[in-house]
Amino acid sequence: MRGRERGFSIVEVLVALLLTAIAFSGIGMTAVTAMRANAKGQRVSAATGLARAKLEKLRTISHSDTAWTAGTHVEPQLNGAGVVAAPGIFTRRWTVEPNWDNRPRLSRVTVVVAWQDAIERSVTLSSLYW
């Protein structure tokens, strides 16, 4: 009878490798999910900024400006800074509704900023102006 042998058997090493591979696979999937969520968050933040910038711009210009014409206006291919650039992923639309709710001089402006991921996504903001 031989004495006690030292070291690990091949089965123990393979089980350890399998458990390590499973753990790293889970960590890798978590990292991929986090990166996707981060990219989506950045796009939502940029789109919200573009919508807010348009509402602020409309607040500061005269109602005689063409941007205040009743109906829908479109600015395609915007980058995150609001500059027309190819390939800009954002499209900004705003709709001006004058005499909103039968109130003279009250206008409602709705801004929609859309972009395409796996599906079309958008951010919508509205404001009332005297």
N, C-alpha and C. Protein backbone atom coordinates (compact mmCIF):
# COMPACT_ATOMS: atom_id res chain seq x y z
N MET A 1 0.83 -1.16 0.00
CA MET A 1 0.00 0.00 0.00
C MET A 1 0.89 1.24 0.00
N ARG A 2 0.56 2.15 -0.88
CA ARG A 2 1.38 3.36 -0.99
C ARG A 2 0.93 4.39 0.02
N GLY A 3 1.80 5.28 0.33
CA GLY A 3 1.47 6.36 1.25
C GLY A 3 0.59 7.41 0.59
N ARG A 4 0.18 8.34 1.34
CA ARG A 4 -0.70 9.40 0.84
C ARG A 4 0.01 10.21 -0.24
N GLU A 5 -0.65 10.37 -1.43
CA GLU A 5 -0.06 11.12 -2.52
C GLU A 5 -0.46 12.58 -2.41
N ARG A 6 0.40 13.45 -2.88
CA ARG A 6 0.15 14.88 -2.80
C ARG A 6 -0.29 15.40 -4.17
N GLY A 7 -1.06 16.54 -4.17
CA GLY A 7 -1.46 17.16 -5.43
C GLY A 7 -2.94 16.96 -5.71
N PHE A 8 -3.32 17.38 -6.90
CA PHE A 8 -4.72 17.31 -7.31
C PHE A 8 -4.88 16.28 -8.41
N SER A 9 -6.02 15.65 -8.43
CA SER A 9 -6.29 14.70 -9.52
C SER A 9 -6.77 15.49 -10.73
N ILE A 10 -6.76 14.88 -11.88
CA ILE A 10 -7.20 15.53 -13.12
C ILE A 10 -8.68 15.92 -13.04
N VAL A 11 -9.48 15.14 -12.36
CA VAL A 11 -10.90 15.43 -12.21
C VAL A 11 -11.09 16.70 -11.39
N GLU A 12 -10.33 16.85 -10.34
CA GLU A 12 -10.42 18.06 -9.50
C GLU A 12 -10.01 19.30 -10.29
N VAL A 13 -8.98 19.19 -11.09
CA VAL A 13 -8.52 20.32 -11.91
C VAL A 13 -9.59 20.68 -12.94
N LEU A 14 -10.19 19.70 -13.60
CA LEU A 14 -11.23 19.97 -14.60
C LEU A 14 -12.47 20.60 -13.97
N VAL A 15 -12.86 20.15 -12.80
CA VAL A 15 -14.01 20.75 -12.11
C VAL A 15 -13.70 22.19 -11.74
N ALA A 16 -12.50 22.46 -11.27
CA ALA A 16 -12.11 23.83 -10.92
C ALA A 16 -12.12 24.73 -12.16
N LEU A 17 -11.61 24.22 -13.28
CA LEU A 17 -11.61 24.99 -14.53
C LEU A 17 -13.04 25.27 -15.00
N LEU A 18 -13.91 24.28 -14.89
CA LEU A 18 -15.31 24.45 -15.30
C LEU A 18 -15.99 25.52 -14.45
N LEU A 19 -15.80 25.48 -13.15
CA LEU A 19 -16.40 26.48 -12.26
C LEU A 19 -15.84 27.88 -12.55
N THR A 20 -14.56 27.97 -12.82
CA THR A 20 -13.95 29.26 -13.16
C THR A 20 -14.51 29.78 -14.48
N ALA A 21 -14.67 28.93 -15.47
CA ALA A 21 -15.23 29.34 -16.76
C ALA A 21 -16.66 29.83 -16.61
N ILE A 22 -17.44 29.16 -15.80
CA ILE A 22 -18.83 29.59 -15.56
C ILE A 22 -18.85 30.96 -14.89
N ALA A 23 -17.99 31.16 -13.92
CA ALA A 23 -17.92 32.45 -13.21
C ALA A 23 -17.52 33.56 -14.16
N PHE A 24 -16.49 33.35 -14.99
CA PHE A 24 -16.05 34.39 -15.93
C PHE A 24 -17.11 34.65 -17.00
N SER A 25 -17.83 33.64 -17.39
CA SER A 25 -18.91 33.83 -18.35
C SER A 25 -19.98 34.76 -17.78
N GLY A 26 -20.34 34.54 -16.54
CA GLY A 26 -21.32 35.42 -15.88
C GLY A 26 -20.82 36.84 -15.75
N ILE A 27 -19.56 37.00 -15.41
CA ILE A 27 -18.97 38.34 -15.30
C ILE A 27 -18.95 39.01 -16.67
N GLY A 28 -18.61 38.26 -17.70
CA GLY A 28 -18.59 38.81 -19.06
C GLY A 28 -19.96 39.27 -19.51
N MET A 29 -20.98 38.48 -19.24
CA MET A 29 -22.35 38.87 -19.63
C MET A 29 -22.80 40.10 -18.86
N THR A 30 -22.41 40.20 -17.61
CA THR A 30 -22.74 41.39 -16.82
C THR A 30 -22.07 42.62 -17.41
N ALA A 31 -20.83 42.50 -17.83
CA ALA A 31 -20.11 43.62 -18.42
C ALA A 31 -20.77 44.06 -19.73
N VAL A 32 -21.16 43.11 -20.57
CA VAL A 32 -21.83 43.44 -21.83
C VAL A 32 -23.16 44.15 -21.57
N THR A 33 -23.93 43.64 -20.63
CA THR A 33 -25.21 44.27 -20.28
C THR A 33 -24.99 45.68 -19.75
N ALA A 34 -23.99 45.87 -18.93
CA ALA A 34 -23.69 47.20 -18.38
C ALA A 34 -23.27 48.17 -19.48
N MET A 35 -22.49 47.72 -20.45
CA MET A 35 -22.08 48.59 -21.55
C MET A 35 -23.28 48.99 -22.41
N ARG A 36 -24.17 48.05 -22.68
CA ARG A 36 -25.38 48.37 -23.45
C ARG A 36 -26.26 49.36 -22.71
N ALA A 37 -26.44 49.16 -21.42
CA ALA A 37 -27.26 50.08 -20.62
C ALA A 37 -26.62 51.46 -20.58
N ASN A 38 -25.31 51.53 -20.49
CA ASN A 38 -24.61 52.80 -20.49
C ASN A 38 -24.81 53.53 -21.82
N ALA A 39 -24.69 52.82 -22.94
CA ALA A 39 -24.88 53.44 -24.25
C ALA A 39 -26.31 53.94 -24.40
N LYS A 40 -27.29 53.15 -23.95
CA LYS A 40 -28.68 53.58 -24.02
C LYS A 40 -28.90 54.82 -23.15
N GLY A 41 -28.33 54.82 -21.97
CA GLY A 41 -28.47 55.98 -21.08
C GLY A 41 -27.87 57.24 -21.68
N GLN A 42 -26.73 57.09 -22.35
CA GLN A 42 -26.11 58.24 -23.00
C GLN A 42 -26.99 58.78 -24.11
N ARG A 43 -27.62 57.90 -24.88
CA ARG A 43 -28.51 58.36 -25.96
C ARG A 43 -29.76 59.03 -25.41
N VAL A 44 -30.33 58.47 -24.36
CA VAL A 44 -31.52 59.09 -23.74
C VAL A 44 -31.15 60.46 -23.19
N SER A 45 -30.01 60.56 -22.55
CA SER A 45 -29.55 61.84 -22.01
C SER A 45 -29.33 62.86 -23.12
N ALA A 46 -28.67 62.45 -24.20
CA ALA A 46 -28.44 63.36 -25.33
C ALA A 46 -29.76 63.80 -25.96
N ALA A 47 -30.69 62.86 -26.13
CA ALA A 47 -31.99 63.19 -26.73
C ALA A 47 -32.77 64.15 -25.84
N THR A 48 -32.72 63.94 -24.54
CA THR A 48 -33.40 64.85 -23.60
C THR A 48 -32.77 66.24 -23.69
N GLY A 49 -31.46 66.30 -23.78
CA GLY A 49 -30.77 67.58 -23.93
C GLY A 49 -31.17 68.30 -25.22
N LEU A 50 -31.29 67.55 -26.32
CA LEU A 50 -31.71 68.14 -27.58
C LEU A 50 -33.14 68.69 -27.50
N ALA A 51 -34.02 67.95 -26.85
CA ALA A 51 -35.41 68.42 -26.70
C ALA A 51 -35.46 69.67 -25.83
N ARG A 52 -34.75 69.66 -24.73
CA ARG A 52 -34.73 70.82 -23.83
C ARG A 52 -34.12 72.04 -24.53
N ALA A 53 -33.07 71.82 -25.32
CA ALA A 53 -32.44 72.93 -26.04
C ALA A 53 -33.41 73.58 -27.02
N LYS A 54 -34.21 72.76 -27.70
CA LYS A 54 -35.18 73.33 -28.65
C LYS A 54 -36.25 74.12 -27.92
N LEU A 55 -36.75 73.59 -26.80
CA LEU A 55 -37.75 74.33 -26.03
C LEU A 55 -37.17 75.66 -25.53
N GLU A 56 -35.94 75.64 -25.09
CA GLU A 56 -35.30 76.86 -24.60
C GLU A 56 -35.09 77.86 -25.74
N LYS A 57 -34.67 77.36 -26.89
CA LYS A 57 -34.47 78.24 -28.06
C LYS A 57 -35.79 78.89 -28.45
N LEU A 58 -36.87 78.12 -28.48
CA LEU A 58 -38.17 78.69 -28.83
C LEU A 58 -38.62 79.74 -27.81
N ARG A 59 -38.25 79.54 -26.56
CA ARG A 59 -38.62 80.50 -25.53
C ARG A 59 -37.94 81.85 -25.76
N THR A 60 -36.74 81.82 -26.34
CA THR A 60 -35.96 83.04 -26.47
C THR A 60 -36.14 83.77 -27.79
N ILE A 61 -36.80 83.15 -28.78
CA ILE A 61 -36.96 83.83 -30.07
C ILE A 61 -38.37 84.39 -30.21
N SER A 62 -38.51 85.32 -31.14
CA SER A 62 -39.80 85.97 -31.38
C SER A 62 -40.80 84.98 -31.97
N HIS A 63 -42.06 85.16 -31.64
CA HIS A 63 -43.11 84.29 -32.18
C HIS A 63 -43.33 84.51 -33.67
N SER A 64 -42.72 85.55 -34.23
CA SER A 64 -42.81 85.77 -35.68
C SER A 64 -41.77 84.94 -36.45
N ASP A 65 -40.86 84.30 -35.75
CA ASP A 65 -39.85 83.45 -36.37
C ASP A 65 -40.53 82.24 -37.01
N THR A 66 -39.94 81.73 -38.09
CA THR A 66 -40.54 80.58 -38.79
C THR A 66 -40.60 79.32 -37.93
N ALA A 67 -39.77 79.23 -36.91
CA ALA A 67 -39.82 78.07 -36.01
C ALA A 67 -41.13 78.02 -35.24
N TRP A 68 -41.82 79.15 -35.16
CA TRP A 68 -43.10 79.23 -34.44
C TRP A 68 -44.31 79.01 -35.35
N THR A 69 -44.07 78.72 -36.62
CA THR A 69 -45.18 78.46 -37.54
C THR A 69 -45.96 77.23 -37.06
N ALA A 70 -47.29 77.33 -37.11
CA ALA A 70 -48.12 76.19 -36.67
C ALA A 70 -47.79 74.96 -37.50
N GLY A 71 -47.77 73.81 -36.85
CA GLY A 71 -47.49 72.55 -37.54
C GLY A 71 -46.23 71.90 -37.02
N THR A 72 -45.77 70.91 -37.79
CA THR A 72 -44.60 70.12 -37.39
C THR A 72 -43.38 70.55 -38.18
N HIS A 73 -42.26 70.67 -37.48
CA HIS A 73 -40.97 71.04 -38.06
C HIS A 73 -40.00 69.90 -37.78
N VAL A 74 -39.05 69.69 -38.70
CA VAL A 74 -38.13 68.55 -38.58
C VAL A 74 -36.69 69.00 -38.78
N GLU A 75 -35.80 68.48 -37.92
CA GLU A 75 -34.36 68.63 -38.08
C GLU A 75 -33.75 67.22 -38.06
N PRO A 76 -33.38 66.69 -39.24
CA PRO A 76 -32.83 65.33 -39.28
C PRO A 76 -31.31 65.31 -39.08
N GLN A 77 -30.78 64.15 -38.81
CA GLN A 77 -29.35 63.85 -38.73
C GLN A 77 -28.59 64.77 -37.78
N LEU A 78 -29.09 64.89 -36.56
CA LEU A 78 -28.39 65.67 -35.55
C LEU A 78 -27.48 64.76 -34.74
N ASN A 79 -26.33 65.29 -34.35
CA ASN A 79 -25.50 64.54 -33.42
C ASN A 79 -25.93 64.92 -32.00
N GLY A 80 -25.25 64.40 -31.01
CA GLY A 80 -25.63 64.65 -29.62
C GLY A 80 -25.53 66.10 -29.19
N ALA A 81 -24.78 66.91 -29.94
CA ALA A 81 -24.63 68.33 -29.62
C ALA A 81 -25.66 69.19 -30.36
N GLY A 82 -26.51 68.55 -31.16
CA GLY A 82 -27.53 69.31 -31.89
C GLY A 82 -27.05 69.88 -33.21
N VAL A 83 -25.92 69.40 -33.70
CA VAL A 83 -25.35 69.87 -34.95
C VAL A 83 -25.70 68.87 -36.05
N VAL A 84 -26.10 69.40 -37.21
CA VAL A 84 -26.37 68.52 -38.35
C VAL A 84 -25.04 67.92 -38.80
N ALA A 85 -24.96 66.61 -38.76
CA ALA A 85 -23.73 65.91 -39.11
C ALA A 85 -24.08 64.53 -39.62
N ALA A 86 -23.35 64.09 -40.63
CA ALA A 86 -23.58 62.75 -41.13
C ALA A 86 -22.54 61.83 -40.51
N PRO A 87 -22.84 60.74 -39.93
CA PRO A 87 -24.21 60.26 -39.72
C PRO A 87 -24.74 60.71 -38.35
N GLY A 88 -25.65 61.65 -38.33
CA GLY A 88 -26.30 62.05 -37.09
C GLY A 88 -27.40 61.04 -36.78
N ILE A 89 -27.46 60.58 -35.56
CA ILE A 89 -28.43 59.51 -35.25
C ILE A 89 -29.76 60.03 -34.75
N PHE A 90 -29.84 61.34 -34.44
CA PHE A 90 -31.07 61.88 -33.87
C PHE A 90 -31.87 62.67 -34.90
N THR A 91 -33.19 62.56 -34.80
CA THR A 91 -34.11 63.40 -35.56
C THR A 91 -34.97 64.14 -34.56
N ARG A 92 -34.99 65.47 -34.69
CA ARG A 92 -35.76 66.29 -33.75
C ARG A 92 -36.97 66.87 -34.50
N ARG A 93 -38.15 66.61 -33.95
CA ARG A 93 -39.40 67.15 -34.50
C ARG A 93 -40.07 67.97 -33.41
N TRP A 94 -40.60 69.11 -33.79
CA TRP A 94 -41.40 69.86 -32.83
C TRP A 94 -42.68 70.31 -33.50
N THR A 95 -43.74 70.27 -32.74
CA THR A 95 -45.06 70.64 -33.23
C THR A 95 -45.55 71.84 -32.44
N VAL A 96 -45.94 72.88 -33.16
CA VAL A 96 -46.45 74.10 -32.55
C VAL A 96 -47.97 74.11 -32.70
N GLU A 97 -48.65 74.22 -31.58
CA GLU A 97 -50.12 74.31 -31.57
C GLU A 97 -50.51 75.67 -31.00
N PRO A 98 -50.79 76.67 -31.89
CA PRO A 98 -51.17 77.99 -31.39
C PRO A 98 -52.59 77.99 -30.84
N ASN A 99 -52.89 78.98 -30.02
CA ASN A 99 -54.22 79.11 -29.41
C ASN A 99 -54.65 77.80 -28.75
N TRP A 100 -53.73 77.24 -28.03
CA TRP A 100 -53.97 75.94 -27.41
C TRP A 100 -55.09 76.02 -26.39
N ASP A 101 -55.94 75.05 -26.38
CA ASP A 101 -57.06 74.97 -25.46
C ASP A 101 -57.96 76.21 -25.55
N ASN A 102 -58.09 76.73 -26.79
CA ASN A 102 -58.92 77.92 -27.07
C ASN A 102 -58.51 79.14 -26.25
N ARG A 103 -57.23 79.24 -25.97
CA ARG A 103 -56.72 80.40 -25.23
C ARG A 103 -55.84 81.21 -26.18
N PRO A 104 -56.25 82.41 -26.50
CA PRO A 104 -55.44 83.23 -27.41
C PRO A 104 -54.05 83.47 -26.82
N ARG A 105 -53.07 83.48 -27.69
CA ARG A 105 -51.66 83.72 -27.35
C ARG A 105 -51.02 82.58 -26.56
N LEU A 106 -51.74 81.52 -26.24
CA LEU A 106 -51.13 80.38 -25.56
C LEU A 106 -50.82 79.31 -26.60
N SER A 107 -49.57 78.90 -26.65
CA SER A 107 -49.15 77.87 -27.61
C SER A 107 -48.54 76.70 -26.85
N ARG A 108 -48.83 75.52 -27.35
CA ARG A 108 -48.17 74.33 -26.80
C ARG A 108 -47.18 73.84 -27.84
N VAL A 109 -45.97 73.56 -27.38
CA VAL A 109 -44.93 73.01 -28.24
C VAL A 109 -44.55 71.65 -27.69
N THR A 110 -44.57 70.65 -28.57
CA THR A 110 -44.16 69.30 -28.22
C THR A 110 -42.94 68.95 -29.06
N VAL A 111 -41.87 68.57 -28.39
CA VAL A 111 -40.62 68.20 -29.07
C VAL A 111 -40.40 66.70 -28.90
N VAL A 112 -40.18 66.02 -30.01
CA VAL A 112 -39.87 64.59 -30.00
C VAL A 112 -38.50 64.41 -30.63
N VAL A 113 -37.60 63.78 -29.90
CA VAL A 113 -36.28 63.45 -30.43
C VAL A 113 -36.22 61.93 -30.53
N ALA A 114 -36.02 61.44 -31.75
CA ALA A 114 -36.04 59.99 -32.01
C ALA A 114 -34.68 59.53 -32.53
N TRP A 115 -34.38 58.26 -32.29
CA TRP A 115 -33.18 57.63 -32.82
C TRP A 115 -33.46 56.15 -32.98
N GLN A 116 -32.60 55.48 -33.71
CA GLN A 116 -32.78 54.06 -34.01
C GLN A 116 -31.72 53.25 -33.29
N ASP A 117 -32.16 52.34 -32.44
CA ASP A 117 -31.27 51.31 -31.88
C ASP A 117 -31.69 50.02 -32.57
N ALA A 118 -31.92 48.99 -31.82
CA ALA A 118 -32.52 47.78 -32.40
C ALA A 118 -33.95 48.10 -32.81
N ILE A 119 -34.58 49.03 -32.08
CA ILE A 119 -35.91 49.53 -32.41
C ILE A 119 -35.87 51.06 -32.34
N GLU A 120 -36.91 51.72 -32.84
CA GLU A 120 -36.93 53.18 -32.75
C GLU A 120 -37.26 53.58 -31.32
N ARG A 121 -36.50 54.53 -30.81
CA ARG A 121 -36.71 55.05 -29.46
C ARG A 121 -36.90 56.55 -29.57
N SER A 122 -37.50 57.14 -28.54
CA SER A 122 -37.71 58.58 -28.58
C SER A 122 -37.89 59.15 -27.18
N VAL A 123 -37.68 60.46 -27.09
CA VAL A 123 -37.92 61.24 -25.88
C VAL A 123 -38.87 62.35 -26.30
N THR A 124 -39.91 62.60 -25.49
CA THR A 124 -40.90 63.64 -25.79
C THR A 124 -41.01 64.61 -24.63
N LEU A 125 -40.91 65.90 -24.93
CA LEU A 125 -41.11 66.95 -23.95
C LEU A 125 -42.11 67.97 -24.51
N SER A 126 -42.95 68.53 -23.65
CA SER A 126 -43.91 69.55 -24.05
C SER A 126 -43.82 70.73 -23.12
N SER A 127 -44.19 71.90 -23.65
CA SER A 127 -44.20 73.10 -22.84
C SER A 127 -45.26 74.05 -23.38
N LEU A 128 -45.78 74.90 -22.50
CA LEU A 128 -46.73 75.93 -22.88
C LEU A 128 -46.03 77.29 -22.87
N TYR A 129 -46.35 78.11 -23.88
CA TYR A 129 -45.73 79.43 -24.01
C TYR A 129 -46.81 80.48 -24.19
N TRP A 130 -46.64 81.64 -23.52
CA TRP A 130 -47.54 82.79 -23.71
C TRP A 130 -47.00 83.63 -24.82
